[in-house]
Amino acid sequence: MERRVRSYRALRDAGYSDLTTVRREDVAAEFNHRQFAVVDYLREESADSIRDLARELGFDEEDISEDLQLLSRLEVVTCETDGRAKVPRPKREHVSVEPLV
């Protein structure tokens, strides 16, 4: 735990103030190509809804919705409500995976 705190502080002190750190176990066990595609897309573009994001990425809407739930639990994304649509957005400017060593 102390290593994680030191890593977080070092990144924060280096200017990465809007940061979330994901446990390496979560990435290894749960991340797949769709989650990486979602994170990459939302880092550069915006989507008006989960349906829009799924269409842009060429994946099934239900799969993207499940991916967003996982990414939300890990505090990587958030979904804001806009009328009937849920709008996915990055939760933080920077995401870090805790060090392997």
Protein backbone atom coordinates (compact mmCIF):
# COMPACT_ATOMS: atom_id res chain seq x y z
CA MET A 1 0.00 0.00 0.00
CA GLU A 2 2.79 2.40 0.84
CA ARG A 3 4.35 1.88 -2.61
CA ARG A 4 1.02 2.89 -4.20
CA VAL A 5 0.88 6.06 -2.09
CA ARG A 6 4.48 6.96 -2.98
CA SER A 7 3.76 6.41 -6.70
CA TYR A 8 0.61 8.51 -6.53
CA ARG A 9 2.41 11.34 -4.73
CA ALA A 10 5.30 11.26 -7.20
CA LEU A 11 2.90 11.55 -10.14
CA ARG A 12 0.93 14.30 -8.40
CA ASP A 13 4.13 16.21 -7.63
CA ALA A 14 5.16 15.87 -11.28
CA GLY A 15 2.03 17.77 -12.30
CA TYR A 16 -0.53 15.01 -12.76
CA SER A 17 -3.04 16.48 -10.32
CA ASP A 18 -6.26 15.17 -11.91
CA LEU A 19 -5.28 11.52 -11.58
CA THR A 20 -6.74 8.15 -10.77
CA THR A 21 -4.63 5.05 -10.26
CA VAL A 22 -5.94 1.63 -11.23
CA ARG A 23 -4.67 -1.50 -9.52
CA ARG A 24 -2.60 -3.67 -11.83
CA GLU A 25 -4.67 -6.71 -10.80
CA ASP A 26 -7.82 -5.02 -12.13
CA VAL A 27 -6.18 -4.23 -15.45
CA ALA A 28 -4.73 -7.71 -15.85
CA ALA A 29 -7.93 -9.49 -14.84
CA GLU A 30 -10.62 -7.35 -16.40
CA PHE A 31 -9.40 -5.03 -19.16
CA ASN A 32 -9.90 -6.18 -22.72
CA HIS A 33 -9.54 -4.55 -26.12
CA ARG A 34 -12.95 -2.84 -25.86
CA GLN A 35 -12.15 -1.12 -22.57
CA PHE A 36 -8.86 0.15 -23.98
CA ALA A 37 -10.74 1.33 -27.10
CA VAL A 38 -13.28 3.17 -24.92
CA VAL A 39 -10.58 4.90 -22.87
CA ASP A 40 -8.58 5.83 -25.98
CA TYR A 41 -11.65 7.18 -27.76
CA LEU A 42 -12.91 9.25 -24.83
CA ARG A 43 -9.45 10.69 -24.27
CA GLU A 44 -9.52 12.24 -27.77
CA GLU A 45 -13.21 12.51 -28.73
CA SER A 46 -16.62 12.91 -27.13
CA ALA A 47 -19.73 10.78 -27.48
CA ASP A 48 -23.29 12.01 -27.08
CA SER A 49 -24.47 8.71 -25.59
CA ILE A 50 -23.51 5.12 -24.93
CA ARG A 51 -25.23 4.21 -28.21
CA ASP A 52 -23.17 6.83 -30.05
CA LEU A 53 -19.95 5.52 -28.48
CA ALA A 54 -20.79 1.93 -29.42
CA ARG A 55 -21.56 2.96 -32.99
CA GLU A 56 -18.33 4.97 -33.30
CA LEU A 57 -16.26 2.05 -32.00
CA GLY A 58 -18.17 -0.63 -33.92
CA PHE A 59 -19.15 -2.65 -30.84
CA ASP A 60 -22.45 -3.83 -29.41
CA GLU A 61 -24.16 -1.24 -27.22
CA GLU A 62 -24.77 -3.73 -24.40
CA ASP A 63 -21.06 -4.69 -24.34
CA ILE A 64 -20.01 -1.03 -24.22
CA SER A 65 -22.52 -0.38 -21.43
CA GLU A 66 -20.99 -3.23 -19.38
CA ASP A 67 -17.48 -1.91 -20.15
CA LEU A 68 -18.49 1.55 -18.94
CA GLN A 69 -19.82 0.08 -15.69
CA LEU A 70 -16.44 -1.54 -15.04
CA LEU A 71 -14.54 1.62 -16.00
CA SER A 72 -16.85 3.65 -13.76
CA ARG A 73 -16.21 1.29 -10.81
CA LEU A 74 -12.48 1.81 -11.38
CA GLU A 75 -13.07 5.60 -11.50
CA VAL A 76 -11.76 5.90 -15.05
CA VAL A 77 -15.01 7.19 -16.61
CA THR A 78 -18.30 8.62 -15.49
CA CYS A 79 -21.68 8.71 -17.23
CA GLU A 80 -23.60 11.95 -16.97
CA THR A 81 -27.35 11.99 -17.58
CA ASP A 82 -28.54 14.21 -20.44
CA GLY A 83 -32.28 13.71 -20.84
CA ARG A 84 -32.69 10.01 -21.54
CA ALA A 85 -29.11 9.53 -22.67
CA LYS A 86 -26.14 8.61 -20.53
CA VAL A 87 -23.11 10.52 -21.75
CA PRO A 88 -19.74 8.83 -21.08
CA ARG A 89 -16.87 11.11 -20.10
CA PRO A 90 -13.39 10.58 -18.67
CA LYS A 91 -13.52 11.02 -14.90
CA ARG A 92 -9.94 12.23 -14.64
CA GLU A 93 -7.51 13.78 -17.04
CA HIS A 94 -4.88 11.13 -16.27
CA VAL A 95 -5.10 7.40 -15.55
CA SER A 96 -2.18 5.50 -14.13
CA VAL A 97 -1.73 1.77 -13.62
CA GLU A 98 0.11 1.09 -10.39
CA PRO A 99 3.71 -0.01 -10.88
CA LEU A 100 4.48 -3.67 -11.41
CA VAL A 101 7.50 -3.58 -9.10
